Amino acid sequence: MYHNNFISLARWDNVVPEKGYRRMRAGTPPKLNAAAQADVTAQRADFSVADAELTDLAEIIDLDARIAGYSRADFWDNLFRQKAANATLYVIVARRAGKIIGYTLGEIRSWPVRDPVCGWLYAVGVDKDHRLHKVATALMSELVTRFRRKGVEAVRTVIDVDDHLLMSFFRSCGMTAGPFVELEMAIGQS
């Protein structure tokens, strides 16, 4: 499981909604369904989820490099500097036997369009040897809990339109299409 908006701009899947496609009402917070929450609770007995500390930085950089296929040490260094001064930026890690096996990154921020402040899920990554054990679900659940504590009523993310596995994961957590469509324009050198 790997999701990271910082590698490249991605597309949301509601560009052309299918017939009968359910849209999330603005302000409706995504929630884990009861079955997913029960699974997370049962499986979290063998791993823990907590705030990342500065001492975790090297291990997070290593895990991210293994997942992404290249190192982004500067990105993570800058992020941890920002996190120290920003109470609305979250880096949460999952640990099993003292080793970091997953992380999520999110922030509470306003969207430059019409909606109020919301939670943004920027990244979730889980070590390949620890996938299919509800680690990403636990990380997502913890991030959503933190957003709720701050009064946030909606969580958003942007993913690649062709990433059906990731789309299935987010839908299993209760996310649906949002009210916005991401557009882009190539402006490379001619």
N, C-alpha and C. Protein backbone atom coordinates (compact mmCIF):
# COMPACT_ATOMS: atom_id res chain seq x y z
N MET A 1 0.85 -1.18 0.00
CA MET A 1 0.00 0.00 0.00
C MET A 1 0.89 1.22 0.00
N TYR A 2 0.72 2.06 -0.97
CA TYR A 2 1.50 3.29 -1.01
C TYR A 2 0.67 4.38 -1.66
N HIS A 3 0.62 5.49 -1.01
CA HIS A 3 -0.10 6.64 -1.55
C HIS A 3 0.71 7.86 -1.20
N ASN A 4 1.04 8.63 -2.20
CA ASN A 4 1.83 9.82 -1.89
C ASN A 4 1.58 10.88 -2.94
N ASN A 5 0.98 11.98 -2.51
CA ASN A 5 0.69 13.08 -3.42
C ASN A 5 1.94 13.88 -3.74
N PHE A 6 3.03 13.70 -3.02
CA PHE A 6 4.20 14.51 -3.23
C PHE A 6 5.10 13.98 -4.34
N ILE A 7 4.87 12.79 -4.82
CA ILE A 7 5.66 12.26 -5.92
C ILE A 7 5.24 12.93 -7.23
N SER A 8 3.95 13.04 -7.47
CA SER A 8 3.47 13.70 -8.68
C SER A 8 2.04 14.13 -8.43
N LEU A 9 1.57 15.05 -9.24
CA LEU A 9 0.16 15.40 -9.16
C LEU A 9 -0.64 14.20 -9.62
N ALA A 10 -1.74 13.97 -8.97
CA ALA A 10 -2.57 12.82 -9.30
C ALA A 10 -3.97 13.29 -9.67
N ARG A 11 -4.82 12.37 -10.09
CA ARG A 11 -6.19 12.71 -10.48
C ARG A 11 -7.18 11.99 -9.59
N TRP A 12 -8.27 12.66 -9.31
CA TRP A 12 -9.37 12.07 -8.53
C TRP A 12 -10.29 11.37 -9.50
N ASP A 13 -11.06 10.40 -9.07
CA ASP A 13 -11.82 9.58 -10.01
C ASP A 13 -13.19 10.14 -10.37
N ASN A 14 -13.52 11.34 -9.97
CA ASN A 14 -14.87 11.82 -10.27
C ASN A 14 -14.92 12.73 -11.48
N VAL A 15 -13.96 12.58 -12.39
CA VAL A 15 -13.95 13.40 -13.60
C VAL A 15 -15.23 13.14 -14.40
N VAL A 16 -15.57 11.90 -14.59
CA VAL A 16 -16.82 11.54 -15.26
C VAL A 16 -17.52 10.52 -14.37
N PRO A 17 -18.36 10.99 -13.45
CA PRO A 17 -19.02 10.05 -12.53
C PRO A 17 -19.86 9.03 -13.27
N GLU A 18 -19.78 7.81 -12.80
CA GLU A 18 -20.59 6.74 -13.37
C GLU A 18 -22.04 6.95 -12.95
N LYS A 19 -22.96 6.36 -13.69
CA LYS A 19 -24.37 6.45 -13.32
C LYS A 19 -24.55 5.81 -11.94
N GLY A 20 -25.23 6.50 -11.07
CA GLY A 20 -25.46 5.97 -9.74
C GLY A 20 -24.30 6.19 -8.78
N TYR A 21 -23.27 6.86 -9.22
CA TYR A 21 -22.10 7.12 -8.39
C TYR A 21 -22.49 8.01 -7.23
N ARG A 22 -22.18 7.62 -6.02
CA ARG A 22 -22.57 8.37 -4.84
C ARG A 22 -21.51 9.42 -4.53
N ARG A 23 -21.93 10.66 -4.46
CA ARG A 23 -21.01 11.76 -4.13
C ARG A 23 -21.10 12.05 -2.64
N MET A 24 -19.95 12.40 -2.06
CA MET A 24 -19.92 12.79 -0.66
C MET A 24 -20.44 14.21 -0.55
N ARG A 25 -21.40 14.43 0.31
CA ARG A 25 -21.90 15.76 0.58
C ARG A 25 -20.79 16.56 1.24
N ALA A 26 -20.57 17.77 0.81
CA ALA A 26 -19.53 18.59 1.41
C ALA A 26 -19.76 18.68 2.91
N GLY A 27 -18.73 18.48 3.67
CA GLY A 27 -18.83 18.55 5.12
C GLY A 27 -19.13 17.21 5.78
N THR A 28 -19.36 16.15 4.99
CA THR A 28 -19.63 14.84 5.56
C THR A 28 -18.31 14.13 5.82
N PRO A 29 -17.99 13.84 7.10
CA PRO A 29 -16.71 13.21 7.38
C PRO A 29 -16.70 11.74 6.98
N PRO A 30 -15.65 11.28 6.29
CA PRO A 30 -15.56 9.86 6.02
C PRO A 30 -15.33 9.10 7.32
N LYS A 31 -15.97 7.95 7.44
CA LYS A 31 -15.82 7.15 8.65
C LYS A 31 -15.49 5.72 8.23
N LEU A 32 -14.71 5.05 9.06
CA LEU A 32 -14.50 3.63 8.82
C LEU A 32 -15.80 2.92 9.10
N ASN A 33 -16.18 1.99 8.24
CA ASN A 33 -17.40 1.25 8.54
C ASN A 33 -17.15 0.35 9.74
N ALA A 34 -18.21 -0.14 10.36
CA ALA A 34 -18.11 -0.89 11.61
C ALA A 34 -17.22 -2.13 11.47
N ALA A 35 -17.35 -2.84 10.36
CA ALA A 35 -16.54 -4.05 10.15
C ALA A 35 -15.06 -3.70 10.07
N ALA A 36 -14.72 -2.63 9.33
CA ALA A 36 -13.32 -2.22 9.20
C ALA A 36 -12.77 -1.78 10.55
N GLN A 37 -13.56 -1.03 11.33
CA GLN A 37 -13.10 -0.58 12.63
C GLN A 37 -12.87 -1.77 13.57
N ALA A 38 -13.75 -2.76 13.53
CA ALA A 38 -13.58 -3.95 14.38
C ALA A 38 -12.31 -4.71 13.99
N ASP A 39 -12.06 -4.84 12.68
CA ASP A 39 -10.84 -5.50 12.22
C ASP A 39 -9.60 -4.77 12.69
N VAL A 40 -9.62 -3.44 12.58
CA VAL A 40 -8.47 -2.64 13.01
C VAL A 40 -8.20 -2.86 14.49
N THR A 41 -9.24 -2.80 15.29
CA THR A 41 -9.09 -2.98 16.73
C THR A 41 -8.52 -4.35 17.06
N ALA A 42 -9.03 -5.39 16.40
CA ALA A 42 -8.55 -6.75 16.66
C ALA A 42 -7.10 -6.94 16.23
N GLN A 43 -6.73 -6.40 15.09
CA GLN A 43 -5.39 -6.64 14.56
C GLN A 43 -4.34 -5.70 15.13
N ARG A 44 -4.74 -4.61 15.77
CA ARG A 44 -3.76 -3.68 16.32
C ARG A 44 -3.07 -4.23 17.55
N ALA A 45 -3.47 -5.40 18.01
CA ALA A 45 -2.83 -5.98 19.18
C ALA A 45 -1.35 -6.24 18.94
N ASP A 46 -0.94 -6.48 17.69
CA ASP A 46 0.46 -6.80 17.42
C ASP A 46 1.25 -5.63 16.84
N PHE A 47 0.64 -4.45 16.71
CA PHE A 47 1.39 -3.25 16.32
C PHE A 47 0.74 -2.04 16.97
N SER A 48 1.50 -0.98 17.07
CA SER A 48 0.99 0.24 17.69
C SER A 48 1.07 1.39 16.70
N VAL A 49 0.26 2.41 16.94
CA VAL A 49 0.22 3.60 16.10
C VAL A 49 0.44 4.81 17.00
N ALA A 50 1.37 5.70 16.62
CA ALA A 50 1.68 6.87 17.43
C ALA A 50 2.28 7.97 16.58
N ASP A 51 2.40 9.17 17.17
CA ASP A 51 3.07 10.28 16.49
C ASP A 51 4.50 9.90 16.18
N ALA A 52 4.95 10.33 15.01
CA ALA A 52 6.36 10.16 14.66
C ALA A 52 7.17 11.18 15.45
N GLU A 53 8.34 10.79 15.89
CA GLU A 53 9.26 11.67 16.61
C GLU A 53 10.45 11.96 15.70
N LEU A 54 11.18 13.00 16.02
CA LEU A 54 12.36 13.34 15.24
C LEU A 54 13.34 12.16 15.17
N THR A 55 13.41 11.37 16.24
CA THR A 55 14.31 10.21 16.26
C THR A 55 13.87 9.12 15.27
N ASP A 56 12.63 9.22 14.75
CA ASP A 56 12.13 8.25 13.77
C ASP A 56 12.48 8.63 12.34
N LEU A 57 13.02 9.82 12.15
CA LEU A 57 13.21 10.36 10.80
C LEU A 57 14.01 9.44 9.89
N ALA A 58 15.14 8.94 10.34
CA ALA A 58 15.98 8.08 9.49
C ALA A 58 15.23 6.81 9.08
N GLU A 59 14.49 6.24 10.00
CA GLU A 59 13.75 5.01 9.70
C GLU A 59 12.60 5.28 8.72
N ILE A 60 11.94 6.43 8.86
CA ILE A 60 10.86 6.80 7.93
C ILE A 60 11.44 7.04 6.54
N ILE A 61 12.56 7.74 6.47
CA ILE A 61 13.21 7.99 5.18
C ILE A 61 13.56 6.67 4.50
N ASP A 62 14.10 5.73 5.27
CA ASP A 62 14.46 4.42 4.73
C ASP A 62 13.23 3.67 4.22
N LEU A 63 12.16 3.65 5.01
CA LEU A 63 10.93 2.97 4.61
C LEU A 63 10.35 3.62 3.35
N ASP A 64 10.27 4.94 3.34
CA ASP A 64 9.74 5.65 2.18
C ASP A 64 10.55 5.34 0.93
N ALA A 65 11.87 5.29 1.06
CA ALA A 65 12.73 4.98 -0.10
C ALA A 65 12.48 3.56 -0.61
N ARG A 66 12.29 2.61 0.29
CA ARG A 66 12.00 1.23 -0.13
C ARG A 66 10.66 1.15 -0.85
N ILE A 67 9.67 1.91 -0.38
CA ILE A 67 8.34 1.88 -1.00
C ILE A 67 8.36 2.61 -2.34
N ALA A 68 8.92 3.82 -2.36
CA ALA A 68 8.88 4.66 -3.57
C ALA A 68 9.92 4.25 -4.60
N GLY A 69 11.00 3.64 -4.17
CA GLY A 69 12.05 3.25 -5.09
C GLY A 69 13.17 4.27 -5.20
N TYR A 70 13.09 5.34 -4.44
CA TYR A 70 14.15 6.34 -4.40
C TYR A 70 14.02 7.13 -3.09
N SER A 71 15.10 7.75 -2.68
CA SER A 71 15.12 8.48 -1.41
C SER A 71 14.69 9.92 -1.59
N ARG A 72 13.91 10.40 -0.62
CA ARG A 72 13.49 11.80 -0.58
C ARG A 72 13.84 12.38 0.79
N ALA A 73 15.08 12.21 1.18
CA ALA A 73 15.53 12.65 2.51
C ALA A 73 15.28 14.13 2.73
N ASP A 74 15.56 14.97 1.72
CA ASP A 74 15.33 16.42 1.87
C ASP A 74 13.87 16.73 2.14
N PHE A 75 12.98 16.04 1.43
CA PHE A 75 11.54 16.24 1.65
C PHE A 75 11.18 15.96 3.11
N TRP A 76 11.62 14.81 3.63
CA TRP A 76 11.28 14.44 5.00
C TRP A 76 11.95 15.36 6.02
N ASP A 77 13.19 15.76 5.78
CA ASP A 77 13.85 16.72 6.67
C ASP A 77 13.05 18.01 6.76
N ASN A 78 12.65 18.55 5.61
CA ASN A 78 11.86 19.78 5.58
C ASN A 78 10.51 19.59 6.26
N LEU A 79 9.90 18.44 6.02
CA LEU A 79 8.60 18.15 6.62
C LEU A 79 8.69 18.14 8.14
N PHE A 80 9.70 17.52 8.68
CA PHE A 80 9.83 17.46 10.14
C PHE A 80 10.11 18.85 10.72
N ARG A 81 10.79 19.71 9.97
CA ARG A 81 10.98 21.09 10.43
C ARG A 81 9.63 21.82 10.47
N GLN A 82 8.83 21.61 9.44
CA GLN A 82 7.50 22.22 9.40
C GLN A 82 6.61 21.68 10.51
N LYS A 83 6.70 20.38 10.76
CA LYS A 83 5.87 19.74 11.78
C LYS A 83 6.15 20.33 13.16
N ALA A 84 7.39 20.67 13.43
CA ALA A 84 7.75 21.24 14.73
C ALA A 84 7.03 22.56 14.99
N ALA A 85 6.71 23.29 13.91
CA ALA A 85 6.08 24.60 14.07
C ALA A 85 4.60 24.60 13.68
N ASN A 86 4.04 23.46 13.36
CA ASN A 86 2.68 23.41 12.82
C ASN A 86 1.88 22.33 13.55
N ALA A 87 0.95 22.75 14.38
CA ALA A 87 0.14 21.81 15.16
C ALA A 87 -0.93 21.12 14.33
N THR A 88 -1.06 21.48 13.07
CA THR A 88 -2.07 20.85 12.22
C THR A 88 -1.47 19.91 11.19
N LEU A 89 -0.18 19.65 11.28
CA LEU A 89 0.50 18.72 10.38
C LEU A 89 0.82 17.45 11.18
N TYR A 90 0.38 16.32 10.67
CA TYR A 90 0.53 15.05 11.39
C TYR A 90 1.39 14.07 10.61
N VAL A 91 2.36 13.49 11.28
CA VAL A 91 3.10 12.35 10.75
C VAL A 91 2.91 11.26 11.80
N ILE A 92 2.24 10.20 11.41
CA ILE A 92 1.89 9.11 12.33
C ILE A 92 2.55 7.83 11.81
N VAL A 93 3.10 7.05 12.71
CA VAL A 93 3.77 5.81 12.31
C VAL A 93 3.13 4.61 12.99
N ALA A 94 3.27 3.46 12.33
CA ALA A 94 2.88 2.17 12.92
C ALA A 94 4.16 1.42 13.21
N ARG A 95 4.20 0.81 14.40
CA ARG A 95 5.38 0.04 14.82
C ARG A 95 4.97 -1.38 15.19
N ARG A 96 5.81 -2.29 14.77
CA ARG A 96 5.67 -3.70 15.18
C ARG A 96 7.02 -4.14 15.68
N ALA A 97 7.07 -4.63 16.90
CA ALA A 97 8.33 -5.07 17.53
C ALA A 97 9.39 -3.96 17.49
N GLY A 98 8.95 -2.72 17.71
CA GLY A 98 9.87 -1.59 17.77
C GLY A 98 10.31 -1.04 16.43
N LYS A 99 9.90 -1.66 15.34
CA LYS A 99 10.30 -1.24 13.99
C LYS A 99 9.14 -0.52 13.30
N ILE A 100 9.44 0.59 12.63
CA ILE A 100 8.41 1.31 11.89
C ILE A 100 8.05 0.51 10.64
N ILE A 101 6.75 0.19 10.52
CA ILE A 101 6.27 -0.61 9.40
C ILE A 101 5.33 0.17 8.49
N GLY A 102 4.98 1.40 8.91
CA GLY A 102 4.09 2.20 8.09
C GLY A 102 4.03 3.63 8.59
N TYR A 103 3.55 4.51 7.74
CA TYR A 103 3.40 5.91 8.12
C TYR A 103 2.22 6.51 7.37
N THR A 104 1.72 7.60 7.91
CA THR A 104 0.75 8.41 7.19
C THR A 104 1.08 9.87 7.45
N LEU A 105 0.72 10.70 6.52
CA LEU A 105 1.00 12.12 6.58
C LEU A 105 -0.26 12.87 6.21
N GLY A 106 -0.69 13.79 7.07
CA GLY A 106 -1.89 14.56 6.79
C GLY A 106 -1.81 15.93 7.43
N GLU A 107 -2.73 16.80 6.99
CA GLU A 107 -2.71 18.17 7.49
C GLU A 107 -4.12 18.73 7.48
N ILE A 108 -4.40 19.60 8.44
CA ILE A 108 -5.64 20.34 8.44
C ILE A 108 -5.36 21.67 7.75
N ARG A 109 -6.13 21.95 6.70
CA ARG A 109 -5.91 23.19 5.97
C ARG A 109 -7.16 23.57 5.20
N SER A 110 -7.23 24.81 4.81
CA SER A 110 -8.37 25.25 4.02
C SER A 110 -8.09 24.98 2.55
N TRP A 111 -9.14 24.79 1.82
CA TRP A 111 -9.07 24.56 0.39
C TRP A 111 -9.34 25.89 -0.27
N PRO A 112 -8.62 26.24 -1.31
CA PRO A 112 -8.75 27.59 -1.86
C PRO A 112 -10.06 27.86 -2.60
N VAL A 113 -10.96 26.91 -2.58
CA VAL A 113 -12.22 27.11 -3.26
C VAL A 113 -13.28 27.47 -2.22
N ARG A 114 -14.42 26.86 -2.24
CA ARG A 114 -15.53 27.31 -1.42
C ARG A 114 -15.69 26.63 -0.06
N ASP A 115 -15.08 25.52 0.16
CA ASP A 115 -15.35 24.76 1.38
C ASP A 115 -14.52 25.22 2.57
N PRO A 116 -14.99 24.90 3.77
CA PRO A 116 -14.24 25.26 4.98
C PRO A 116 -13.01 24.37 5.16
N VAL A 117 -12.31 24.61 6.24
CA VAL A 117 -11.13 23.82 6.59
C VAL A 117 -11.48 22.34 6.58
N CYS A 118 -10.55 21.51 6.09
CA CYS A 118 -10.76 20.07 6.08
C CYS A 118 -9.43 19.38 6.34
N GLY A 119 -9.48 18.08 6.55
CA GLY A 119 -8.27 17.29 6.70
C GLY A 119 -7.82 16.78 5.35
N TRP A 120 -6.52 16.86 5.09
CA TRP A 120 -5.96 16.34 3.84
C TRP A 120 -5.04 15.17 4.15
N LEU A 121 -5.30 14.05 3.53
CA LEU A 121 -4.43 12.89 3.62
C LEU A 121 -3.45 12.98 2.46
N TYR A 122 -2.18 13.21 2.79
CA TYR A 122 -1.16 13.38 1.76
C TYR A 122 -0.47 12.08 1.39
N ALA A 123 -0.25 11.22 2.36
CA ALA A 123 0.51 10.00 2.08
C ALA A 123 0.17 8.92 3.09
N VAL A 124 0.21 7.69 2.61
CA VAL A 124 0.16 6.52 3.49
C VAL A 124 1.07 5.49 2.84
N GLY A 125 1.95 4.92 3.64
CA GLY A 125 2.86 3.90 3.14
C GLY A 125 3.03 2.79 4.14
N VAL A 126 3.04 1.56 3.66
CA VAL A 126 3.21 0.39 4.53
C VAL A 126 4.26 -0.51 3.91
N ASP A 127 5.20 -0.97 4.71
CA ASP A 127 6.23 -1.91 4.27
C ASP A 127 5.56 -3.12 3.64
N LYS A 128 6.11 -3.58 2.51
CA LYS A 128 5.48 -4.67 1.76
C LYS A 128 5.32 -5.94 2.59
N ASP A 129 6.19 -6.19 3.55
CA ASP A 129 6.08 -7.40 4.37
C ASP A 129 4.98 -7.30 5.42
N HIS A 130 4.37 -6.12 5.57
CA HIS A 130 3.35 -5.93 6.60
C HIS A 130 2.00 -5.50 6.02
N ARG A 131 1.86 -5.63 4.73
CA ARG A 131 0.59 -5.29 4.10
C ARG A 131 -0.43 -6.39 4.35
N LEU A 132 -1.68 -6.07 4.17
CA LEU A 132 -2.81 -6.99 4.38
C LEU A 132 -2.98 -7.37 5.85
N HIS A 133 -2.50 -6.51 6.74
CA HIS A 133 -2.67 -6.73 8.18
C HIS A 133 -3.34 -5.53 8.83
N LYS A 134 -4.05 -4.74 8.04
CA LYS A 134 -4.82 -3.58 8.51
C LYS A 134 -3.97 -2.44 9.03
N VAL A 135 -2.70 -2.39 8.65
CA VAL A 135 -1.81 -1.32 9.10
C VAL A 135 -2.25 0.01 8.50
N ALA A 136 -2.49 0.05 7.19
CA ALA A 136 -2.92 1.30 6.55
C ALA A 136 -4.28 1.74 7.09
N THR A 137 -5.16 0.80 7.35
CA THR A 137 -6.47 1.13 7.91
C THR A 137 -6.33 1.73 9.30
N ALA A 138 -5.43 1.18 10.11
CA ALA A 138 -5.20 1.73 11.45
C ALA A 138 -4.61 3.13 11.37
N LEU A 139 -3.67 3.34 10.45
CA LEU A 139 -3.08 4.67 10.27
C LEU A 139 -4.14 5.67 9.83
N MET A 140 -4.96 5.28 8.87
CA MET A 140 -6.04 6.15 8.39
C MET A 140 -7.01 6.47 9.52
N SER A 141 -7.38 5.46 10.29
CA SER A 141 -8.30 5.65 11.41
C SER A 141 -7.74 6.65 12.43
N GLU A 142 -6.46 6.51 12.74
CA GLU A 142 -5.83 7.42 13.71
C GLU A 142 -5.79 8.85 13.17
N LEU A 143 -5.47 9.01 11.91
CA LEU A 143 -5.43 10.35 11.32
C LEU A 143 -6.83 10.98 11.35
N VAL A 144 -7.85 10.23 10.98
CA VAL A 144 -9.22 10.73 11.00
C VAL A 144 -9.63 11.11 12.43
N THR A 145 -9.24 10.31 13.41
CA THR A 145 -9.54 10.62 14.81
C THR A 145 -8.91 11.95 15.21
N ARG A 146 -7.68 12.17 14.82
CA ARG A 146 -7.01 13.43 15.15
C ARG A 146 -7.69 14.61 14.48
N PHE A 147 -8.11 14.43 13.23
CA PHE A 147 -8.83 15.49 12.54
C PHE A 147 -10.13 15.82 13.27
N ARG A 148 -10.87 14.79 13.66
CA ARG A 148 -12.15 15.01 14.37
C ARG A 148 -11.94 15.78 15.67
N ARG A 149 -10.89 15.45 16.40
CA ARG A 149 -10.61 16.15 17.66
C ARG A 149 -10.43 17.65 17.46
N LYS A 150 -9.99 18.04 16.26
CA LYS A 150 -9.78 19.46 15.95
C LYS A 150 -11.02 20.08 15.30
N GLY A 151 -12.12 19.33 15.24
CA GLY A 151 -13.36 19.86 14.70
C GLY A 151 -13.50 19.76 13.19
N VAL A 152 -12.62 19.03 12.55
CA VAL A 152 -12.67 18.87 11.10
C VAL A 152 -13.86 17.97 10.75
N GLU A 153 -14.57 18.35 9.70
CA GLU A 153 -15.76 17.60 9.31
C GLU A 153 -15.63 16.83 8.00
N ALA A 154 -14.49 16.95 7.31
CA ALA A 154 -14.30 16.22 6.06
C ALA A 154 -12.82 15.92 5.87
N VAL A 155 -12.54 14.81 5.21
CA VAL A 155 -11.17 14.43 4.87
C VAL A 155 -11.11 14.24 3.37
N ARG A 156 -10.05 14.77 2.76
CA ARG A 156 -9.89 14.67 1.31
C ARG A 156 -8.51 14.13 0.99
N THR A 157 -8.40 13.57 -0.20
CA THR A 157 -7.12 13.18 -0.75
C THR A 157 -7.22 13.22 -2.27
N VAL A 158 -6.13 13.10 -2.94
CA VAL A 158 -6.08 13.04 -4.40
C VAL A 158 -5.26 11.81 -4.75
N ILE A 159 -5.79 10.99 -5.65
CA ILE A 159 -5.05 9.80 -6.07
C ILE A 159 -5.05 9.70 -7.58
N ASP A 160 -4.19 8.85 -8.10
CA ASP A 160 -4.12 8.61 -9.53
C ASP A 160 -5.41 7.92 -9.98
N VAL A 161 -5.97 8.39 -11.06
CA VAL A 161 -7.25 7.87 -11.56
C VAL A 161 -7.18 6.38 -11.88
N ASP A 162 -6.01 5.86 -12.19
CA ASP A 162 -5.87 4.45 -12.56
C ASP A 162 -5.48 3.55 -11.39
N ASP A 163 -5.38 4.08 -10.20
CA ASP A 163 -4.96 3.28 -9.03
C ASP A 163 -6.18 2.65 -8.37
N HIS A 164 -6.67 1.58 -8.96
CA HIS A 164 -7.89 0.93 -8.49
C HIS A 164 -7.73 0.28 -7.12
N LEU A 165 -6.55 -0.24 -6.84
CA LEU A 165 -6.31 -0.84 -5.53
C LEU A 165 -6.42 0.20 -4.43
N LEU A 166 -5.77 1.32 -4.63
CA LEU A 166 -5.83 2.40 -3.64
C LEU A 166 -7.25 2.95 -3.53
N MET A 167 -7.93 3.08 -4.66
CA MET A 167 -9.33 3.54 -4.64
C MET A 167 -10.17 2.59 -3.80
N SER A 168 -9.97 1.29 -3.96
CA SER A 168 -10.72 0.30 -3.17
C SER A 168 -10.43 0.45 -1.69
N PHE A 169 -9.14 0.69 -1.35
CA PHE A 169 -8.78 0.88 0.05
C PHE A 169 -9.52 2.09 0.63
N PHE A 170 -9.45 3.22 -0.05
CA PHE A 170 -10.10 4.43 0.48
C PHE A 170 -11.61 4.25 0.58
N ARG A 171 -12.20 3.58 -0.38
CA ARG A 171 -13.64 3.33 -0.30
C ARG A 171 -13.97 2.41 0.88
N SER A 172 -13.11 1.45 1.17
CA SER A 172 -13.37 0.57 2.31
C SER A 172 -13.29 1.34 3.63
N CYS A 173 -12.59 2.48 3.61
CA CYS A 173 -12.51 3.34 4.79
C CYS A 173 -13.68 4.32 4.86
N GLY A 174 -14.54 4.33 3.85
CA GLY A 174 -15.71 5.19 3.86
C GLY A 174 -15.60 6.41 2.96
N MET A 175 -14.50 6.56 2.23
CA MET A 175 -14.36 7.73 1.35
C MET A 175 -15.13 7.51 0.06
N THR A 176 -15.69 8.58 -0.46
CA THR A 176 -16.39 8.57 -1.73
C THR A 176 -15.91 9.77 -2.54
N ALA A 177 -16.41 9.92 -3.75
CA ALA A 177 -16.02 11.05 -4.59
C ALA A 177 -16.39 12.36 -3.90
N GLY A 178 -15.52 13.32 -4.01
CA GLY A 178 -15.76 14.63 -3.42
C GLY A 178 -16.37 15.59 -4.42
N PRO A 179 -16.58 16.82 -4.00
CA PRO A 179 -17.26 17.80 -4.85
C PRO A 179 -16.36 18.51 -5.86
N PHE A 180 -15.08 18.18 -5.92
CA PHE A 180 -14.16 18.89 -6.79
C PHE A 180 -13.56 17.95 -7.84
N VAL A 181 -13.13 18.52 -8.95
CA VAL A 181 -12.41 17.80 -9.99
C VAL A 181 -11.06 18.47 -10.14
N GLU A 182 -10.00 17.70 -10.06
CA GLU A 182 -8.64 18.22 -10.23
C GLU A 182 -8.36 18.34 -11.72
N LEU A 183 -7.85 19.48 -12.14
CA LEU A 183 -7.48 19.70 -13.54
C LEU A 183 -6.00 20.05 -13.59
N GLU A 184 -5.38 19.78 -14.71
CA GLU A 184 -3.97 20.16 -14.86
C GLU A 184 -3.69 20.52 -16.30
N MET A 185 -2.55 21.19 -16.49
CA MET A 185 -2.14 21.61 -17.82
C MET A 185 -0.61 21.46 -17.88
N ALA A 186 -0.14 20.80 -18.90
CA ALA A 186 1.30 20.64 -19.08
C ALA A 186 1.89 22.00 -19.47
N ILE A 187 2.97 22.41 -18.80
CA ILE A 187 3.60 23.70 -19.11
C ILE A 187 5.10 23.53 -19.28
N GLY A 188 5.52 22.31 -19.63
CA GLY A 188 6.94 22.01 -19.80
C GLY A 188 7.58 22.89 -20.87
N GLN A 189 8.88 22.81 -20.93
CA GLN A 189 9.67 23.59 -21.90
C GLN A 189 9.32 23.17 -23.33
N SER A 190 9.15 24.13 -24.20
CA SER A 190 8.83 23.84 -25.60
C SER A 190 10.07 23.82 -26.44
